[in-house]
Amino acid sequence: MTSPRFDRRGGLLVHPTSLPGPHGTGDLGPHARRFVEWLATSGLRAWQVLPLVPPGGGNSPYSSGSAFAGSPWLVDLFDLRDAGLLDDADVAGGPGGDPRQLDFDAMRAFKGPRLAKAADRLLAHWADHAWAAAFQAFRGDEAEWLADAGLFAAIKRLQDERPWWQWPAGLRDRAPKALAKARVDLADEIARFEAIQFFFDRQWHRLRAICEDADIVVIGDLPIYVDADSADVWAHRPQFMLDANGRCIDVAGVPPDAFSDTGQLWGNPLYRWDVMKADGYAWWVARLRRALSLHHRVRIDHFRAFAAYWAVSGDAPDASEGVWREGPGRDFFDAMKAALGALPILAEDLGVIDQPVLDLLEDVGLPGMKILQFGFGGDADNVYLPHHHVPHGVVYTGTHDNDTTLGWWLTAPAHVQDHVRHYFGISGADLVWDLIRVCLGSVAATAVVPLQDALNLGSEARMNTPAVADGNWCWRAIEGDLRPEVAARLAFLVKLYGR
């Protein structure tokens, strides 16, 4: 089995929420377009983002009420003003606060009423609005997931945000009469959800087209698991390991590792892979098709679970006690390729990796990941060291789950710092850019650098700390960060290493 071989590219990793913007969060408006223009001047031709879904628990983009929906908080309000759906006063000002920190509560309080107002205006006059035909087409094209996602969001709001397994039995169990009544009673709420999703979709595809014009590929991110309290699980219960009341029998996580002595208890429901196989993995086909309509390539998070996954009892206090179970293996990827064609997928093959995972990765022909920060402090056999990199691969200085490279360096033990100095023959005085140089100079076809590293920022700019519930996903760049001299320094390395 083969997958598309990627040409030699460099890119930046930054979520749209981390871009500058006037309304409390980075969005899909003018600042995002300026970022793409700046990225193009650097010579880098890839932009990697985190999941674009509505953020869920802990404001994480890896937790969401829908694996298919787009985040409403990314919608640019100026675009809605220009379309006559908001007034000038609606886009004036913002939630205030530290421009380098995303205050999710303040941002939602500011943007939520304005998004609802724009949606209601479109719905009230949609038949004669310039976007009418596009809105109708969107509703039809995305009906497979949009109908359930909208109904789920509307019922959840009606039920004071309680999880779906605590809803009245008719709604919980999707009794046809209960659902039909809910669709009538909540029609306005559902339509508002659909309109806001249309805003996101329209703006994102416009931005994606701008990237294409600049020869920049967009790399998306797809968590392998979905939230228990999501439209996906509620609408597809037989596909997940749930009891008769909709509660998880076993849940996902990872065993104890370098991040946590008790492992990471993610709590996501596990898949009934036998049930999914019986219908050709139809839900996964739809999910990947949607992801590939939004991005040019997709990184699948926690690839190792396709070989074997860690299953923990649904009532366990942590992930230390669990069992490995066999995943769907190559059969899954054969089904995806049969349905979707060539698979422009990157495999996140980090964590507890054994030979069966390596064998599956090679068998399906997907590129894996190398993280430079993981390479030092041991011996020459460490697979993350540059002399072990391979052309069919993706190399990072670090990811959203790592400290920034500067933060990592300043807190690294002395023996790790010594290893870095000796390995590269450097003093460490300009360590961040030394590692950016190594990353872009790697034989790996794709090299990605977090924006925080390009800006030489410390631990204050870290995006996420695994196994820590609060305070993540908040970092933002500010006006003036995207300096010409940073782009020029990147452009020199891009040319030097043929990216």
Protein backbone atom coordinates (compact mmCIF):
# COMPACT_ATOMS: atom_id res chain seq x y z
CA MET A 1 0.00 0.00 0.00
CA THR A 2 1.35 3.41 -0.89
CA SER A 3 0.44 6.98 -0.02
CA PRO A 4 1.32 10.25 -1.75
CA ARG A 5 5.02 11.13 -1.50
CA PHE A 6 5.30 14.69 -0.33
CA ASP A 7 7.64 17.19 -1.95
CA ARG A 8 10.25 18.89 0.21
CA ARG A 9 8.52 21.63 2.19
CA GLY A 10 8.92 23.62 5.35
CA GLY A 11 6.07 25.02 7.37
CA LEU A 12 4.88 26.69 10.54
CA LEU A 13 2.61 25.24 13.22
CA VAL A 14 0.15 27.77 14.59
CA HIS A 15 -3.57 27.52 15.30
CA PRO A 16 -5.74 30.36 13.93
CA THR A 17 -6.77 31.29 17.49
CA SER A 18 -3.12 32.19 18.15
CA LEU A 19 -3.02 34.85 15.44
CA PRO A 20 -3.56 38.54 16.22
CA GLY A 21 -7.10 39.88 15.96
CA PRO A 22 -9.34 42.54 17.50
CA HIS A 23 -12.18 40.42 18.91
CA GLY A 24 -10.45 38.36 21.59
CA THR A 25 -9.13 35.55 19.41
CA GLY A 26 -7.41 34.98 16.14
CA ASP A 27 -9.98 34.31 13.43
CA LEU A 28 -10.33 33.76 9.68
CA GLY A 29 -10.32 37.42 8.75
CA PRO A 30 -7.75 40.04 7.73
CA HIS A 31 -5.07 38.98 10.23
CA ALA A 32 -5.18 35.40 8.99
CA ARG A 33 -4.82 36.59 5.41
CA ARG A 34 -1.86 38.77 6.41
CA PHE A 35 -0.31 35.76 8.14
CA VAL A 36 -0.54 33.74 4.93
CA GLU A 37 1.08 36.60 3.01
CA TRP A 38 3.87 36.79 5.60
CA LEU A 39 4.31 33.01 5.53
CA ALA A 40 4.70 33.13 1.75
CA THR A 41 7.52 35.71 2.07
CA SER A 42 9.38 33.27 4.34
CA GLY A 43 9.47 30.65 1.59
CA LEU A 44 7.73 28.15 3.87
CA ARG A 45 4.97 26.36 1.99
CA ALA A 46 2.98 24.60 4.71
CA TRP A 47 0.71 25.79 7.49
CA GLN A 48 -0.20 23.26 10.15
CA VAL A 49 -3.22 23.94 12.36
CA LEU A 50 -4.83 22.19 15.31
CA PRO A 51 -8.36 20.74 14.98
CA LEU A 52 -10.75 23.41 13.69
CA VAL A 53 -13.72 22.02 15.63
CA PRO A 54 -15.63 23.92 18.34
CA PRO A 55 -13.42 23.61 21.45
CA GLY A 56 -14.78 21.52 24.30
CA GLY A 57 -13.65 20.71 27.83
CA GLY A 58 -10.73 22.82 28.99
CA ASN A 59 -11.19 24.88 25.79
CA SER A 60 -9.26 22.17 23.98
CA PRO A 61 -9.57 21.78 20.20
CA TYR A 62 -9.00 18.07 20.83
CA SER A 63 -12.33 17.93 22.66
CA SER A 64 -15.55 18.89 20.90
CA GLY A 65 -19.28 18.39 20.66
CA SER A 66 -18.84 17.61 16.96
CA ALA A 67 -15.97 16.07 15.03
CA PHE A 68 -17.33 17.58 11.80
CA ALA A 69 -18.31 21.14 12.76
CA GLY A 70 -16.13 24.24 12.56
CA SER A 71 -15.43 26.48 15.53
CA PRO A 72 -17.82 29.45 15.54
CA TRP A 73 -15.19 31.45 17.45
CA LEU A 74 -13.01 31.50 14.33
CA VAL A 75 -15.65 33.38 12.33
CA ASP A 76 -14.52 36.85 11.28
CA LEU A 77 -17.07 39.48 12.30
CA PHE A 78 -15.88 42.05 9.76
CA ASP A 79 -16.91 39.74 6.93
CA LEU A 80 -20.40 39.52 8.45
CA ARG A 81 -20.52 43.33 8.77
CA ASP A 82 -19.52 43.73 5.14
CA ALA A 83 -22.34 41.36 4.15
CA GLY A 84 -24.89 43.53 5.98
CA LEU A 85 -25.43 40.99 8.74
CA LEU A 86 -23.85 43.12 11.48
CA ASP A 87 -23.63 46.85 12.13
CA ASP A 88 -20.48 48.95 12.53
CA ALA A 89 -21.10 49.12 16.28
CA ASP A 90 -21.03 45.32 16.47
CA VAL A 91 -17.42 45.11 15.30
CA ALA A 92 -16.14 48.07 17.29
CA GLY A 93 -13.97 47.29 20.28
CA GLY A 94 -13.48 43.85 21.75
CA PRO A 95 -13.31 41.98 25.03
CA GLY A 96 -10.04 43.61 26.07
CA GLY A 97 -7.47 41.96 28.31
CA ASP A 98 -3.93 40.74 27.64
CA PRO A 99 -3.50 40.51 23.84
CA ARG A 100 -1.09 37.57 24.30
CA GLN A 101 -3.65 35.49 26.20
CA LEU A 102 -6.97 34.21 24.89
CA ASP A 103 -9.64 34.74 27.56
CA PHE A 104 -12.20 32.20 26.35
CA ASP A 105 -15.02 33.37 28.60
CA ALA A 106 -14.66 37.02 27.64
CA MET A 107 -14.26 36.16 23.97
CA ARG A 108 -17.39 34.00 23.93
CA ALA A 109 -19.37 36.68 25.76
CA PHE A 110 -18.36 39.19 23.09
CA LYS A 111 -18.68 37.11 19.94
CA GLY A 112 -21.62 34.86 20.86
CA PRO A 113 -24.41 37.48 20.67
CA ARG A 114 -22.93 38.94 17.49
CA LEU A 115 -22.77 35.58 15.74
CA ALA A 116 -26.37 34.89 16.75
CA LYS A 117 -27.45 38.33 15.46
CA ALA A 118 -25.75 37.75 12.10
CA ALA A 119 -27.30 34.30 11.79
CA ASP A 120 -30.76 35.59 12.61
CA ARG A 121 -30.44 38.37 10.04
CA LEU A 122 -29.41 35.90 7.36
CA LEU A 123 -32.29 33.59 8.23
CA ALA A 124 -34.82 36.43 8.29
CA HIS A 125 -33.82 37.65 4.81
CA TRP A 126 -31.97 34.69 3.39
CA ALA A 127 -34.10 34.30 0.28
CA ASP A 128 -32.98 37.68 -1.09
CA HIS A 129 -29.49 37.81 0.46
CA ALA A 130 -26.41 37.48 -1.76
CA TRP A 131 -25.38 34.38 0.19
CA ALA A 132 -28.76 32.62 -0.17
CA ALA A 133 -27.79 30.12 -2.85
CA ALA A 134 -24.48 29.30 -1.17
CA PHE A 135 -26.22 28.79 2.18
CA GLN A 136 -28.77 26.43 0.67
CA ALA A 137 -26.03 24.51 -1.11
CA PHE A 138 -24.05 24.21 2.11
CA ARG A 139 -27.06 22.82 3.96
CA GLY A 140 -27.53 20.20 1.29
CA ASP A 141 -23.88 19.28 0.83
CA GLU A 142 -23.19 18.88 4.54
CA ALA A 143 -26.56 17.44 5.61
CA GLU A 144 -25.00 14.09 6.52
CA TRP A 145 -23.47 15.57 9.69
CA LEU A 146 -25.05 19.02 9.92
CA ALA A 147 -28.57 17.85 10.77
CA ASP A 148 -27.48 15.79 13.77
CA ALA A 149 -24.91 18.32 14.96
CA GLY A 150 -27.46 21.15 14.88
CA LEU A 151 -30.13 19.11 16.62
CA PHE A 152 -27.64 17.94 19.26
CA ALA A 153 -26.48 21.49 20.00
CA ALA A 154 -30.06 22.78 20.24
CA ILE A 155 -31.22 20.00 22.56
CA LYS A 156 -28.12 20.35 24.72
CA ARG A 157 -28.84 24.04 25.20
CA LEU A 158 -32.47 23.25 26.05
CA GLN A 159 -31.24 20.69 28.58
CA ASP A 160 -28.97 23.21 30.34
CA GLU A 161 -25.84 21.67 28.77
CA ARG A 162 -26.33 18.32 30.49
CA PRO A 163 -24.60 15.38 28.73
CA TRP A 164 -26.88 13.52 26.34
CA TRP A 165 -27.09 10.38 28.50
CA GLN A 166 -28.85 12.52 31.12
CA TRP A 167 -31.53 13.74 28.69
CA PRO A 168 -35.10 12.43 28.79
CA ALA A 169 -35.15 8.86 27.50
CA GLY A 170 -36.83 9.69 24.19
CA LEU A 171 -34.18 12.24 23.27
CA ARG A 172 -31.35 10.20 24.76
CA ASP A 173 -32.31 7.14 22.77
CA ARG A 174 -33.27 9.05 19.62
CA ALA A 175 -36.89 7.87 19.55
CA PRO A 176 -38.27 9.02 16.17
CA LYS A 177 -41.27 10.87 17.64
CA ALA A 178 -39.11 12.68 20.22
CA LEU A 179 -36.62 13.74 17.55
CA ALA A 180 -39.34 14.89 15.15
CA LYS A 181 -40.90 17.03 17.88
CA ALA A 182 -37.52 18.48 18.85
CA ARG A 183 -36.80 19.42 15.23
CA VAL A 184 -40.04 21.39 15.11
CA ASP A 185 -39.75 22.98 18.55
CA LEU A 186 -36.08 23.89 18.11
CA ALA A 187 -36.18 24.81 14.42
CA ASP A 188 -34.95 28.36 14.97
CA GLU A 189 -32.07 27.25 17.16
CA ILE A 190 -31.05 24.57 14.66
CA ALA A 191 -31.18 27.02 11.76
CA ARG A 192 -29.01 29.46 13.69
CA PHE A 193 -26.41 26.72 14.25
CA GLU A 194 -26.45 25.90 10.54
CA ALA A 195 -26.02 29.55 9.56
CA ILE A 196 -22.99 29.99 11.84
CA GLN A 197 -21.48 26.79 10.45
CA PHE A 198 -22.01 28.24 6.98
CA PHE A 199 -20.15 31.40 8.02
CA PHE A 200 -17.20 29.29 9.18
CA ASP A 201 -17.19 27.09 6.10
CA ARG A 202 -17.36 30.01 3.69
CA GLN A 203 -14.54 31.91 5.40
CA TRP A 204 -12.31 28.89 5.85
CA HIS A 205 -12.56 27.84 2.21
CA ARG A 206 -11.75 31.40 1.15
CA LEU A 207 -8.62 31.30 3.33
CA ARG A 208 -7.71 27.84 2.05
CA ALA A 209 -7.93 29.15 -1.53
CA ILE A 210 -5.58 32.01 -0.64
CA CYS A 211 -3.12 29.41 0.68
CA GLU A 212 -3.41 27.46 -2.56
CA ASP A 213 -2.67 30.59 -4.60
CA ALA A 214 0.52 31.00 -2.55
CA ASP A 215 1.47 27.31 -2.97
CA ILE A 216 0.95 26.75 0.76
CA VAL A 217 -0.56 23.43 1.82
CA VAL A 218 -2.75 23.36 4.93
CA ILE A 219 -2.08 20.45 7.27
CA GLY A 220 -5.00 19.65 9.53
CA ASP A 221 -5.16 17.60 12.71
CA LEU A 222 -7.62 14.80 13.43
CA PRO A 223 -7.85 13.34 16.96
CA ILE A 224 -8.37 9.61 16.72
CA TYR A 225 -11.09 9.69 19.41
CA VAL A 226 -14.18 11.85 19.86
CA ASP A 227 -15.95 13.13 22.97
CA ALA A 228 -18.47 10.94 24.75
CA ASP A 229 -20.78 13.95 24.98
CA SER A 230 -20.87 14.70 21.27
CA ALA A 231 -23.26 14.60 18.37
CA ASP A 232 -21.08 11.88 16.86
CA VAL A 233 -21.52 9.41 19.70
CA TRP A 234 -25.17 10.32 20.33
CA ALA A 235 -26.07 9.82 16.67
CA HIS A 236 -23.96 6.66 16.17
CA ARG A 237 -24.24 4.81 19.48
CA PRO A 238 -23.84 1.27 18.07
CA GLN A 239 -20.37 2.22 16.80
CA PHE A 240 -19.04 2.90 20.32
CA MET A 241 -18.52 0.82 23.48
CA LEU A 242 -21.51 2.07 25.48
CA ASP A 243 -23.95 0.43 27.84
CA ALA A 244 -27.75 0.55 27.48
CA ASN A 245 -27.88 3.97 29.15
CA GLY A 246 -25.24 5.50 26.91
CA ARG A 247 -22.40 5.39 29.45
CA CYS A 248 -18.90 4.30 28.46
CA ILE A 249 -18.03 0.70 29.24
CA ASP A 250 -14.32 1.30 28.65
CA VAL A 251 -12.55 4.54 27.80
CA ALA A 252 -9.42 5.69 26.01
CA GLY A 253 -6.14 6.81 27.46
CA VAL A 254 -2.46 6.00 27.50
CA PRO A 255 -0.43 4.13 30.13
CA PRO A 256 2.08 5.87 32.43
CA ASP A 257 4.71 7.76 30.45
CA ALA A 258 7.10 10.68 30.63
CA PHE A 259 4.20 13.11 31.01
CA SER A 260 2.37 11.34 33.85
CA ASP A 261 3.11 8.57 36.38
CA THR A 262 -0.53 7.46 36.27
CA GLY A 263 -0.94 7.72 32.52
CA GLN A 264 -3.44 9.96 30.80
CA LEU A 265 -7.13 9.14 31.26
CA TRP A 266 -8.75 10.78 28.27
CA GLY A 267 -12.21 9.34 28.93
CA ASN A 268 -13.24 9.08 25.27
CA PRO A 269 -15.48 6.16 24.30
CA LEU A 270 -13.72 3.39 22.42
CA TYR A 271 -14.82 2.20 19.01
CA ARG A 272 -16.53 -1.09 18.29
CA TRP A 273 -14.16 -1.81 15.44
CA ASP A 274 -16.06 -4.96 14.46
CA VAL A 275 -19.27 -2.96 13.99
CA MET A 276 -17.43 -0.27 12.04
CA LYS A 277 -15.79 -2.84 9.79
CA ALA A 278 -19.19 -4.34 8.96
CA ASP A 279 -20.37 -1.13 7.26
CA GLY A 280 -17.02 -0.35 5.63
CA TYR A 281 -16.06 2.14 8.37
CA ALA A 282 -18.68 4.50 6.93
CA TRP A 283 -18.50 7.00 9.80
CA TRP A 284 -14.73 7.22 9.47
CA VAL A 285 -14.96 7.60 5.70
CA ALA A 286 -17.31 10.55 6.19
CA ARG A 287 -15.05 12.04 8.85
CA LEU A 288 -11.91 11.81 6.73
CA ARG A 289 -13.75 13.10 3.66
CA ARG A 290 -14.82 16.17 5.64
CA ALA A 291 -11.28 16.68 6.98
CA LEU A 292 -9.77 16.46 3.51
CA SER A 293 -12.30 18.97 2.20
CA LEU A 294 -10.94 21.47 4.76
CA HIS A 295 -7.23 20.65 4.54
CA HIS A 296 -4.75 19.43 1.95
CA ARG A 297 -3.16 16.93 4.32
CA VAL A 298 -4.28 15.58 7.67
CA ARG A 299 -2.28 14.47 10.68
CA ILE A 300 -4.05 11.65 12.54
CA ASP A 301 -3.36 11.97 16.25
CA HIS A 302 -2.46 8.81 18.22
CA PHE A 303 -1.84 6.59 15.20
CA ARG A 304 -0.62 3.79 17.43
CA ALA A 305 -4.24 2.98 18.43
CA PHE A 306 -4.84 1.58 14.95
CA ALA A 307 -2.37 -1.17 15.86
CA ALA A 308 -3.33 -1.53 19.53
CA TYR A 309 -5.09 0.81 21.95
CA TRP A 310 -5.09 1.23 25.73
CA ALA A 311 -8.51 0.41 27.22
CA VAL A 312 -9.37 1.52 30.75
CA SER A 313 -12.51 0.72 32.73
CA GLY A 314 -15.09 3.49 32.48
CA ASP A 315 -15.07 3.98 36.27
CA ALA A 316 -11.28 3.87 36.75
CA PRO A 317 -9.74 6.82 38.67
CA ASP A 318 -6.74 7.02 36.34
CA ALA A 319 -5.16 5.26 33.37
CA SER A 320 -2.56 3.23 35.25
CA GLU A 321 -4.67 0.05 35.11
CA GLY A 322 -5.66 -0.89 31.58
CA VAL A 323 -5.14 -3.43 28.84
CA TRP A 324 -3.87 -3.32 25.28
CA ARG A 325 -6.42 -4.38 22.67
CA GLU A 326 -5.88 -5.01 19.00
CA GLY A 327 -6.86 -2.19 16.65
CA PRO A 328 -8.25 -2.49 13.11
CA GLY A 329 -4.80 -2.43 11.50
CA ARG A 330 -4.27 -2.28 7.75
CA ASP A 331 -7.87 -3.24 7.02
CA PHE A 332 -8.93 0.24 8.14
CA PHE A 333 -6.52 2.01 5.80
CA ASP A 334 -7.39 -0.26 2.89
CA ALA A 335 -11.03 0.72 3.38
CA MET A 336 -10.16 4.44 3.55
CA LYS A 337 -8.11 4.22 0.36
CA ALA A 338 -10.87 2.30 -1.43
CA ALA A 339 -13.39 4.98 -0.52
CA LEU A 340 -11.25 8.12 -0.77
CA GLY A 341 -8.31 7.31 -3.03
CA ALA A 342 -4.75 8.28 -2.14
CA LEU A 343 -4.39 9.23 1.52
CA PRO A 344 -2.47 12.48 2.19
CA ILE A 345 -2.14 11.55 5.86
CA LEU A 346 0.62 12.12 8.41
CA ALA A 347 0.80 9.66 11.30
CA GLU A 348 1.39 10.90 14.83
CA ASP A 349 3.45 7.90 15.94
CA LEU A 350 4.66 9.24 19.29
CA GLY A 351 4.30 7.72 22.74
CA VAL A 352 4.54 4.02 23.57
CA ILE A 353 5.62 2.62 20.21
CA ASP A 354 6.37 -1.07 19.67
CA GLN A 355 7.26 -3.13 16.62
CA PRO A 356 3.64 -3.79 15.51
CA VAL A 357 3.08 -0.02 15.32
CA LEU A 358 6.23 0.43 13.27
CA ASP A 359 5.23 -2.45 11.03
CA LEU A 360 1.77 -0.97 10.43
CA LEU A 361 3.24 2.45 9.67
CA GLU A 362 5.55 0.93 7.08
CA ASP A 363 2.86 -1.34 5.69
CA VAL A 364 0.42 1.48 5.00
CA GLY A 365 3.18 3.79 3.76
CA LEU A 366 2.41 6.81 5.93
CA PRO A 367 5.07 9.29 7.09
CA GLY A 368 5.75 9.35 10.82
CA MET A 369 6.99 12.15 13.07
CA LYS A 370 10.37 13.01 14.56
CA ILE A 371 10.58 15.55 17.41
CA LEU A 372 14.02 17.10 17.88
CA GLN A 373 13.39 17.85 21.57
CA PHE A 374 13.00 14.10 22.19
CA GLY A 375 16.41 13.24 20.78
CA PHE A 376 18.83 14.22 23.51
CA GLY A 377 20.08 12.96 26.84
CA GLY A 378 20.53 9.33 25.82
CA ASP A 379 22.64 7.49 23.31
CA ALA A 380 23.11 7.40 19.55
CA ASP A 381 20.26 4.90 19.09
CA ASN A 382 17.59 7.50 19.92
CA VAL A 383 15.31 7.48 16.84
CA TYR A 384 14.61 11.21 17.11
CA LEU A 385 18.23 12.17 16.47
CA PRO A 386 18.73 13.62 12.97
CA HIS A 387 20.97 10.77 11.79
CA HIS A 388 17.91 8.49 12.06
CA HIS A 389 15.57 10.73 10.05
CA VAL A 390 14.21 9.38 6.78
CA PRO A 391 13.04 11.22 3.64
CA HIS A 392 9.48 9.90 3.98
CA GLY A 393 8.88 11.65 7.28
CA VAL A 394 7.95 14.83 9.11
CA VAL A 395 10.32 16.56 11.54
CA TYR A 396 9.42 19.15 14.18
CA THR A 397 11.46 21.14 16.65
CA GLY A 398 8.48 20.52 18.96
CA THR A 399 4.70 20.26 18.78
CA HIS A 400 1.78 21.93 20.55
CA ASP A 401 2.24 19.41 23.39
CA ASN A 402 5.89 20.37 23.98
CA ASP A 403 7.33 23.38 25.72
CA THR A 404 8.71 25.93 23.30
CA THR A 405 12.26 25.11 22.25
CA LEU A 406 13.60 28.01 24.32
CA GLY A 407 11.59 26.90 27.35
CA TRP A 408 12.78 23.32 26.88
CA TRP A 409 16.42 24.41 26.57
CA LEU A 410 16.39 26.66 29.63
CA THR A 411 14.95 23.89 31.81
CA ALA A 412 16.80 20.93 30.29
CA PRO A 413 19.17 18.98 32.59
CA ALA A 414 22.88 19.64 32.15
CA HIS A 415 23.53 16.28 30.48
CA VAL A 416 20.85 17.01 27.86
CA GLN A 417 22.35 20.44 27.13
CA ASP A 418 25.82 18.89 26.86
CA HIS A 419 24.51 16.28 24.43
CA VAL A 420 22.99 18.99 22.24
CA ARG A 421 26.19 21.04 22.23
CA HIS A 422 28.39 18.07 21.40
CA TYR A 423 26.03 16.59 18.80
CA PHE A 424 25.80 19.80 16.76
CA GLY A 425 29.13 21.35 17.72
CA ILE A 426 27.47 24.53 18.97
CA SER A 427 27.71 26.75 22.03
CA GLY A 428 23.95 26.94 22.61
CA ALA A 429 23.99 30.73 22.55
CA ASP A 430 21.44 30.74 19.70
CA LEU A 431 19.95 27.33 20.43
CA VAL A 432 16.44 27.92 19.09
CA TRP A 433 17.60 28.95 15.65
CA ASP A 434 20.24 26.21 15.70
CA LEU A 435 17.42 23.67 16.04
CA ILE A 436 15.30 25.43 13.43
CA ARG A 437 18.29 25.12 11.09
CA VAL A 438 18.58 21.40 11.88
CA CYS A 439 14.84 20.91 11.40
CA LEU A 440 14.78 22.59 7.99
CA GLY A 441 18.02 20.85 7.01
CA SER A 442 16.72 17.38 7.84
CA VAL A 443 16.34 14.79 5.10
CA ALA A 444 12.66 14.54 6.12
CA ALA A 445 10.43 15.73 3.30
CA THR A 446 8.34 17.92 5.60
CA ALA A 447 9.79 20.11 8.35
CA VAL A 448 7.52 22.09 10.68
CA VAL A 449 8.42 24.72 13.24
CA PRO A 450 5.97 26.15 15.81
CA LEU A 451 5.52 29.87 15.36
CA GLN A 452 6.64 30.37 18.97
CA ASP A 453 10.05 28.96 18.05
CA ALA A 454 10.39 31.20 15.01
CA LEU A 455 9.69 34.10 17.40
CA ASN A 456 12.21 32.69 19.96
CA LEU A 457 9.65 32.72 22.79
CA GLY A 458 9.93 30.95 26.12
CA SER A 459 7.64 28.81 28.27
CA GLU A 460 5.15 31.65 28.64
CA ALA A 461 4.15 30.89 25.03
CA ARG A 462 3.59 27.15 25.50
CA MET A 463 0.33 26.02 23.92
CA ASN A 464 -0.48 22.87 25.92
CA THR A 465 0.83 20.81 28.82
CA PRO A 466 -0.49 17.22 28.58
CA ALA A 467 -2.29 15.86 31.65
CA VAL A 468 -2.84 19.43 32.93
CA ALA A 469 -6.51 20.39 32.61
CA ASP A 470 -6.45 24.19 32.86
CA GLY A 471 -4.56 27.11 31.39
CA ASN A 472 -3.87 25.64 27.96
CA TRP A 473 -4.60 26.78 24.38
CA CYS A 474 -4.38 30.47 25.34
CA TRP A 475 -1.22 31.77 23.69
CA ARG A 476 -1.54 34.41 20.99
CA ALA A 477 0.85 36.35 18.80
CA ILE A 478 0.47 40.12 18.81
CA GLU A 479 0.68 42.84 16.20
CA GLY A 480 4.29 43.25 15.18
CA ASP A 481 5.37 39.66 15.90
CA LEU A 482 5.34 38.71 12.23
CA ARG A 483 8.41 40.78 11.46
CA PRO A 484 10.11 40.93 8.04
CA GLU A 485 13.46 39.98 9.58
CA VAL A 486 12.01 36.73 10.95
CA ALA A 487 10.60 35.85 7.53
CA ALA A 488 13.94 36.72 5.92
CA ARG A 489 15.86 34.46 8.33
CA LEU A 490 13.49 31.61 7.55
CA ALA A 491 13.73 32.32 3.82
CA PHE A 492 17.53 32.03 3.95
CA LEU A 493 17.28 28.54 5.51
CA VAL A 494 14.50 27.50 3.13
CA LYS A 495 16.71 28.34 0.16
CA LEU A 496 19.81 26.84 1.75
CA TYR A 497 18.14 23.48 2.35
CA GLY A 498 16.00 23.32 -0.75
CA ARG A 499 12.56 23.63 0.81
